[in-house]
Protein backbone atom coordinates (compact mmCIF):
# COMPACT_ATOMS: atom_id res chain seq x y z
CA MET A 1 -11.96 16.63 44.52
CA TYR A 2 -15.78 14.79 42.92
CA PRO A 3 -16.06 12.61 40.37
CA GLN A 4 -17.17 14.94 37.64
CA GLN A 5 -13.79 16.67 37.69
CA VAL A 6 -12.08 13.46 36.84
CA ILE A 7 -14.44 13.12 33.94
CA ASP A 8 -13.96 16.36 32.60
CA ALA A 9 -9.81 15.74 33.32
CA LEU A 10 -9.89 13.36 31.23
CA ARG A 11 -11.93 14.57 27.66
CA HIS A 12 -8.73 15.93 27.13
CA VAL A 13 -6.88 12.74 26.85
CA ARG A 14 -7.54 11.88 22.80
CA TYR A 15 -7.71 7.58 22.43
CA PRO A 16 -4.81 7.27 19.51
CA GLY A 17 -7.00 4.81 17.65
CA THR A 18 -10.18 7.05 16.47
CA GLY A 19 -8.89 10.80 16.92
CA LYS A 20 -11.51 10.96 20.18
CA ASP A 21 -11.29 11.58 24.00
CA LEU A 22 -11.80 8.97 26.68
CA ILE A 23 -14.92 9.58 27.86
CA GLU A 24 -16.60 10.13 24.22
CA SER A 25 -15.49 7.01 23.13
CA GLY A 26 -16.73 5.47 26.07
CA MET A 27 -13.68 4.24 27.65
CA LEU A 28 -14.14 5.09 31.80
CA GLU A 29 -15.61 1.83 33.81
CA ASP A 30 -18.25 3.79 36.53
CA ASP A 31 -16.06 2.91 38.55
CA ILE A 32 -14.61 6.19 39.76
CA ARG A 33 -13.30 6.21 43.70
CA ILE A 34 -11.41 9.62 45.29
CA SER A 35 -10.30 9.33 49.17
CA GLY A 36 -8.19 13.40 49.36
CA PHE A 37 -5.57 13.24 46.66
CA GLU A 38 -6.36 9.10 46.13
CA VAL A 39 -8.94 8.28 42.91
CA SER A 40 -9.02 4.85 41.45
CA PHE A 41 -11.39 4.01 38.56
CA SER A 42 -10.92 1.45 35.28
CA LEU A 43 -10.22 1.64 31.61
CA ILE A 44 -11.95 0.47 29.39
CA PHE A 45 -10.00 -1.71 25.69
CA GLU A 46 -10.84 -3.58 23.14
CA LYS A 47 -7.60 -6.30 23.79
CA ASP A 48 -5.10 -6.43 26.41
CA ASN A 49 -2.32 -6.31 23.81
CA ASP A 50 -3.96 -2.62 22.72
CA PRO A 51 -0.74 -0.98 20.98
CA PHE A 52 -1.90 2.89 22.69
CA MET A 53 -2.27 1.39 26.39
CA LYS A 54 0.80 2.16 27.91
CA SER A 55 0.67 5.65 26.41
CA VAL A 56 -3.09 6.40 27.50
CA LEU A 57 -2.30 5.34 30.62
CA LYS A 58 0.53 7.58 31.55
CA ALA A 59 -1.96 10.42 29.78
CA ALA A 60 -4.44 10.42 31.91
CA GLU A 61 -2.40 10.37 35.40
CA VAL A 62 -0.72 13.11 33.64
CA ALA A 63 -4.47 14.30 33.08
CA LEU A 64 -5.54 14.63 36.10
CA GLN A 65 -2.50 16.23 37.83
CA THR A 66 -2.29 18.87 35.15
CA TYR A 67 -6.32 20.02 34.97
CA ILE A 68 -7.33 19.08 38.87
CA ASP A 69 -4.13 18.85 41.12
CA PRO A 70 -0.52 18.52 41.27
CA ASN A 71 -0.38 16.00 43.74
CA ILE A 72 -3.46 13.44 42.59
CA SER A 73 -2.14 10.29 42.94
CA ALA A 74 -4.23 8.04 40.08
CA HIS A 75 -4.30 4.26 40.73
CA ILE A 76 -6.09 3.42 36.88
CA HIS A 77 -7.12 -0.12 36.73
CA THR A 78 -7.73 -2.03 33.33
CA LYS A 79 -10.68 -3.16 31.63
CA PHE A 80 -10.80 -5.26 28.40
CA VAL A 81 -13.96 -5.87 25.99
CA LYS A 82 -15.21 -9.59 25.85
CA GLN A 83 -16.68 -10.67 22.42
CA ASN A 84 -19.26 -11.76 23.87
CA SER A 85 -20.09 -8.48 25.88
CA GLN A 86 -23.19 -7.05 25.18
CA GLN A 87 -21.74 -3.78 25.25
CA PRO A 88 -18.95 -3.79 22.37
CA LYS A 89 -17.32 -0.35 22.13
CA ALA A 90 -17.03 0.46 18.51
CA ASN A 91 -14.68 -0.53 17.16
CA SER A 92 -15.07 -4.37 18.76
CA GLN A 93 -16.54 -5.37 15.62
CA GLN A 94 -14.51 -5.18 11.72
CA PRO A 95 -15.40 -2.01 10.35
CA ILE A 96 -15.36 -3.75 6.81
CA HIS A 97 -17.09 -7.22 5.83
CA ALA A 98 -13.87 -9.18 4.73
CA LYS A 99 -13.98 -12.72 5.03
CA HIS A 100 -9.43 -12.31 5.19
CA VAL A 101 -7.43 -8.37 5.81
CA ILE A 102 -3.95 -9.12 4.72
CA ALA A 103 -1.43 -6.36 4.93
CA ILE A 104 1.75 -5.68 2.70
CA HIS A 105 4.47 -4.49 4.48
CA SER A 106 8.35 -3.71 3.83
CA GLY A 107 10.84 -2.35 5.76
CA LYS A 108 12.51 -0.08 3.61
CA GLY A 109 10.92 1.52 0.47
CA GLY A 110 12.17 0.35 -2.53
CA VAL A 111 11.54 -3.08 -2.86
CA GLY A 112 9.07 -3.31 -4.85
CA LYS A 113 6.25 -4.28 -2.60
CA SER A 114 3.24 -1.92 -4.15
CA THR A 115 4.48 -3.96 -7.43
CA VAL A 116 4.12 -7.41 -5.31
CA THR A 117 0.57 -6.19 -3.29
CA ALA A 118 -0.72 -5.01 -6.74
CA ASN A 119 -0.03 -8.27 -8.96
CA LEU A 120 -0.98 -10.64 -5.79
CA ALA A 121 -4.32 -8.64 -5.70
CA ILE A 122 -4.45 -9.26 -9.51
CA ALA A 123 -3.64 -12.55 -9.07
CA LEU A 124 -6.23 -13.98 -6.48
CA ALA A 125 -8.78 -12.07 -8.86
CA ASN A 126 -8.34 -14.09 -11.59
CA ARG A 127 -8.76 -16.97 -8.70
CA GLY A 128 -12.76 -15.45 -8.53
CA TYR A 129 -12.45 -13.75 -5.23
CA SER A 130 -13.63 -10.58 -4.23
CA VAL A 131 -11.06 -8.36 -3.97
CA GLY A 132 -10.49 -4.82 -2.20
CA LEU A 133 -6.66 -2.76 -1.82
CA LEU A 134 -6.50 0.61 0.38
CA ASP A 135 -3.57 2.32 -0.51
CA ALA A 136 -2.61 3.22 3.06
CA ASP A 137 1.41 4.73 2.14
CA ILE A 138 -0.13 8.39 2.53
CA HIS A 139 3.68 10.07 1.27
CA GLY A 140 3.89 8.24 -1.66
CA PRO A 141 0.91 6.60 -2.91
CA SER A 142 0.76 4.59 -6.18
CA ILE A 143 -1.32 2.33 -6.73
CA PRO A 144 -3.56 4.70 -9.00
CA LYS A 145 -0.73 4.24 -11.69
CA MET A 146 0.13 0.73 -11.15
CA PHE A 147 -3.35 0.36 -11.81
CA ARG A 148 -3.59 3.15 -14.77
CA CYS A 149 -6.69 5.32 -13.18
CA GLU A 150 -4.82 8.23 -11.65
CA ASP A 151 -7.41 10.26 -12.80
CA ALA A 152 -10.29 8.57 -11.51
CA ARG A 153 -12.57 10.71 -8.66
CA PRO A 154 -14.77 7.99 -6.15
CA TYR A 155 -17.68 9.36 -5.62
CA SER A 156 -20.32 9.14 -2.90
CA VAL A 157 -23.27 7.25 -3.00
CA GLU A 158 -26.11 6.88 0.08
CA GLU A 159 -26.02 3.47 2.36
CA ASP A 160 -28.84 3.18 4.97
CA GLY A 161 -28.55 6.81 5.95
CA ARG A 162 -25.01 6.63 5.15
CA THR A 163 -22.83 8.63 2.63
CA LEU A 164 -19.63 6.38 2.00
CA ILE A 165 -17.20 6.22 -1.12
CA GLU A 166 -16.91 4.17 -3.21
CA PRO A 167 -13.62 2.53 -4.85
CA ILE A 168 -12.53 2.71 -8.19
CA GLU A 169 -12.75 -0.79 -9.40
CA GLN A 170 -9.79 -1.05 -11.88
CA TYR A 171 -9.11 -5.38 -13.58
CA GLY A 172 -12.22 -6.39 -11.24
CA VAL A 173 -10.01 -5.05 -7.63
CA LYS A 174 -11.75 -2.18 -5.44
CA MET A 175 -9.25 0.15 -3.71
CA LEU A 176 -9.32 3.22 -2.45
CA SER A 177 -5.45 5.08 -2.19
CA ILE A 178 -5.27 9.23 -1.10
CA GLY A 179 -3.48 9.43 -4.60
CA PHE A 180 -7.31 9.58 -5.68
CA PHE A 181 -8.37 12.61 -3.53
CA VAL A 182 -4.83 15.00 -3.72
CA ASN A 183 -3.00 16.90 -6.94
CA PRO A 184 -0.32 13.85 -7.83
CA GLU A 185 2.67 16.99 -8.76
CA SER A 186 1.62 18.28 -5.18
CA ALA A 187 3.45 16.58 -1.48
CA VAL A 188 1.89 15.40 0.95
CA ILE A 189 2.70 17.01 4.43
CA TRP A 190 0.05 15.73 6.82
CA ARG A 191 1.25 14.72 10.44
CA GLY A 192 0.49 11.42 11.69
CA GLY A 193 -1.80 11.98 13.18
CA MET A 194 -3.90 13.51 10.25
CA ALA A 195 -2.20 10.57 8.01
CA SER A 196 -4.12 7.72 10.59
CA ASN A 197 -6.83 9.76 10.37
CA ALA A 198 -7.54 10.04 6.87
CA ILE A 199 -6.04 6.01 7.11
CA LYS A 200 -9.57 5.67 9.30
CA GLN A 201 -12.50 7.04 6.84
CA LEU A 202 -10.90 5.20 3.71
CA ILE A 203 -11.43 1.97 6.33
CA GLU A 204 -14.39 2.81 7.63
CA ASP A 205 -16.78 4.78 4.89
CA ALA A 206 -15.94 3.67 2.28
CA HIS A 207 -18.80 1.95 0.43
CA TRP A 208 -16.30 -1.94 0.11
CA GLY A 209 -18.94 -4.46 -0.16
CA GLU A 210 -18.19 -8.06 0.99
CA LEU A 211 -14.54 -9.02 0.32
CA ASP A 212 -13.35 -12.45 0.20
CA TYR A 213 -9.32 -10.69 0.49
CA PHE A 214 -9.24 -7.26 1.84
CA LEU A 215 -5.61 -6.06 0.89
CA ILE A 216 -3.23 -3.42 2.73
CA ASP A 217 -0.05 -1.59 1.02
CA LEU A 218 1.50 -0.28 4.06
CA PRO A 219 4.60 2.17 3.99
CA PRO A 220 7.49 1.69 4.80
CA GLY A 221 8.82 1.41 7.66
CA THR A 222 7.16 1.51 11.00
CA SER A 223 4.91 4.51 12.06
CA ASP A 224 1.43 5.65 13.33
CA ILE A 225 0.28 4.23 10.30
CA HIS A 226 0.47 0.24 10.84
CA LEU A 227 -0.64 0.86 14.65
CA THR A 228 -3.58 3.00 13.64
CA LEU A 229 -4.37 -0.35 10.99
CA VAL A 230 -3.66 -2.11 13.91
CA SER A 231 -6.00 -1.02 16.49
CA THR A 232 -8.91 -0.58 13.39
CA LEU A 233 -8.45 -4.18 11.90
CA GLN A 234 -8.44 -7.49 13.39
CA LEU A 235 -5.37 -8.51 10.68
CA THR A 236 -5.49 -12.15 9.44
CA GLY A 237 -1.82 -11.40 8.82
CA VAL A 238 1.00 -9.73 7.23
CA ILE A 239 3.56 -10.43 3.95
CA VAL A 240 7.13 -8.77 4.20
CA VAL A 241 8.32 -8.29 1.35
CA THR A 242 12.74 -7.38 0.83
CA THR A 243 14.59 -7.70 -2.05
CA PRO A 244 17.81 -10.34 -1.05
CA GLN A 245 20.72 -7.00 -0.99
CA PRO A 246 21.68 -7.28 3.21
CA VAL A 247 20.92 -3.90 3.72
CA ALA A 248 17.12 -4.17 3.09
CA LEU A 249 17.44 -7.70 5.18
CA VAL A 250 17.62 -5.54 8.20
CA ASP A 251 14.74 -3.35 7.21
CA ALA A 252 12.47 -6.85 6.82
CA ARG A 253 13.58 -8.77 10.29
CA LYS A 254 13.24 -5.66 11.77
CA GLY A 255 9.54 -5.87 10.29
CA VAL A 256 8.93 -9.30 11.06
CA GLU A 257 10.02 -8.17 14.80
CA MET A 258 7.54 -5.32 14.95
CA PHE A 259 4.54 -8.25 14.13
CA ARG A 260 5.54 -9.95 16.37
CA ASN A 261 6.07 -7.73 19.33
CA GLU A 262 3.28 -9.02 22.01
CA LYS A 263 1.70 -5.68 21.50
CA ILE A 264 0.91 -6.10 17.56
CA ASN A 265 0.77 -9.69 18.06
CA VAL A 266 0.16 -9.93 14.26
CA PRO A 267 0.64 -13.31 12.79
CA VAL A 268 3.64 -13.31 9.54
CA LEU A 269 1.93 -15.37 6.90
CA GLY A 270 5.26 -15.25 4.75
CA LEU A 271 7.96 -13.23 3.21
CA VAL A 272 8.63 -12.29 -0.31
CA GLU A 273 11.65 -12.14 -1.84
CA ASN A 274 11.49 -9.21 -4.68
CA MET A 275 14.08 -8.86 -7.69
CA SER A 276 16.01 -12.25 -6.74
CA TRP A 277 18.21 -12.49 -9.64
CA PHE A 278 18.66 -11.11 -13.46
CA THR A 279 17.70 -13.21 -16.83
CA PRO A 280 18.77 -11.42 -19.29
CA ALA A 281 16.17 -12.31 -23.07
CA GLU A 282 19.99 -13.50 -24.94
CA LEU A 283 20.34 -15.70 -22.75
CA PRO A 284 17.63 -17.13 -21.16
CA ASP A 285 20.29 -20.27 -18.98
CA ASN A 286 21.69 -17.77 -17.21
CA LYS A 287 20.92 -15.70 -13.68
CA TYR A 288 22.92 -12.85 -11.94
CA TYR A 289 21.92 -12.47 -8.21
CA ILE A 290 22.57 -8.30 -8.24
CA PHE A 291 21.49 -7.77 -4.57
CA GLY A 292 23.03 -10.65 -3.92
CA ARG A 293 21.38 -14.58 -3.46
CA ASP A 294 18.11 -16.22 -1.88
CA GLY A 295 18.92 -13.67 1.16
CA GLY A 296 15.10 -13.15 1.69
CA LYS A 297 14.96 -17.22 1.83
CA ASN A 298 17.86 -17.53 4.28
CA LEU A 299 16.37 -15.38 6.21
CA ALA A 300 12.77 -16.59 6.14
CA GLN A 301 14.45 -20.34 6.89
CA GLU A 302 16.12 -17.98 9.95
CA LEU A 303 12.93 -16.15 11.15
CA ASN A 304 10.63 -19.55 11.21
CA ILE A 305 8.19 -17.89 8.76
CA PRO A 306 7.04 -19.27 4.60
CA LEU A 307 9.09 -18.35 1.66
CA LEU A 308 6.23 -17.41 0.10
CA GLY A 309 7.86 -17.14 -3.48
CA GLN A 310 11.26 -15.22 -5.28
CA ILE A 311 10.13 -12.97 -8.18
CA PRO A 312 13.18 -12.03 -10.84
CA LEU A 313 14.02 -9.01 -11.37
CA VAL A 314 12.13 -8.60 -15.31
CA GLN A 315 11.62 -5.94 -17.53
CA SER A 316 8.21 -7.18 -18.24
CA ILE A 317 7.22 -6.32 -14.73
CA ARG A 318 8.58 -3.16 -13.99
CA GLU A 319 6.94 -1.46 -17.74
CA GLY A 320 3.74 -3.20 -16.47
CA GLY A 321 3.45 -1.33 -13.17
CA ASP A 322 4.52 2.11 -14.98
CA GLU A 323 2.02 1.44 -17.70
CA GLY A 324 -0.94 0.59 -15.27
CA THR A 325 -0.73 -2.91 -16.77
CA PRO A 326 1.05 -5.11 -14.11
CA ILE A 327 1.85 -8.32 -15.46
CA ALA A 328 -0.39 -11.20 -13.62
CA LEU A 329 -2.98 -9.41 -16.22
CA GLN A 330 -1.12 -11.39 -18.79
CA ALA A 331 -1.98 -15.12 -18.38
CA GLY A 332 1.09 -17.77 -18.99
CA HIS A 333 3.92 -15.23 -18.10
CA PRO A 334 6.63 -16.36 -16.33
CA ALA A 335 6.20 -13.58 -13.36
CA ALA A 336 1.65 -14.14 -13.73
CA ILE A 337 2.45 -17.59 -12.81
CA GLU A 338 5.18 -16.70 -9.81
CA PHE A 339 2.58 -14.13 -8.42
CA ASP A 340 -0.55 -16.83 -9.35
CA LYS A 341 1.11 -19.83 -7.25
CA ILE A 342 1.83 -16.55 -4.22
CA ALA A 343 -2.01 -16.30 -4.26
CA SER A 344 -2.59 -19.93 -4.39
CA GLN A 345 -0.13 -20.42 -1.13
CA LEU A 346 -1.96 -17.19 0.64
CA VAL A 347 -5.68 -18.92 -0.16
CA ASP A 348 -3.99 -22.38 1.32
C-alpha cells in the first residue's frame, strides 16, 4: 500500500455539505502514515460540531477497505480550521454578506411558518433594514405567491467574473425560491442531495448584495436541507413557529432540541405562537381559543426561550397571504402592529 492509493480511495467519499469529494474539498491533511495494513491520516473540518463528521469518517474507512484492501485498519484523526487560519477552506467564510442570518422553523407544516416569515421580512424592511429572504422549502415553496410574484423569473448578472442569479425584489425584500424556476403546477420530486445542492446554489450563486437580515423559510421537520444550511451558513439563530395545539407543540419541541443539539448548536432566538385565539369582528372583546390556550407560551417558558409574540387567528392575515399582500404592509392594522413588535424584539 502507498499514499496515492489512499488518496484515490478517498476520492470516492463526498462531503455532504458541498457534494465534492474529500480530495477536491481539500479536507485531507498531508500526514498519511502507512505501516503494513495500518494507515493513519487526518481530515480537516470547518468546526468541531460539524454535523457530517461521523458519517464522513465512517465513509472514509469503508472506502479504504473497499478500494484497497478489506483488511486495512484505519486511524483517522480530525483537525479543525481555526478562524484566524491563513488557509481557510472554501466554506469557512460566510457565502453571503449579511449581518444576521436567521432561520424560521416549524416542526410540522400548516402552523403558519411561511406567513410569519413573510410578514417578519416586511416588518424589518419597513424599519429601514435591507432584507433578503430565501424560500428553502423545496417541495412546498409558498413565498412567491405570498409576495404576488409567482410569474417572476430571476435573470443573471455578471460580477467579478462570476455569473450570479439576481433575486426578485418585492415590498423592499430581496427573495429567491425554487418556485421561480419550476412549473408551479408540477411537483418537485428530488432526492435530498439534489434539494440541498439547489439550496446551496440559491445562497452562494446569487447577487444578494449587502444585507442587514437574511431570513430563511425552512421546510417543516428535519431533513438534509437543515444540515446543509447549518454547514453552509453561520446562523445567527433560529425562530420556531408553532400553534398552541398539543400535536404541534410536540414537533416544535423536537425542532428546538434539534438546533440545541451539540452537533448543530444554533441559538434559538425565540418562539412565535401563531393562531393563538380567534376574535370575531362582531364580538371584538371575545377570544375563542380554538387550538388551545397558551400552549406556545408555556412551551417557551418550559424550554427557557423568549416568547416573541402570539399571533391571533385573523381572516385578513390569511387573505393577505393568499392575495400576495402580507398584512404587515397595512400600517396600523392590529396584526401588522403585532408583527412589528416581533421584529422589534428580534432586532433587540
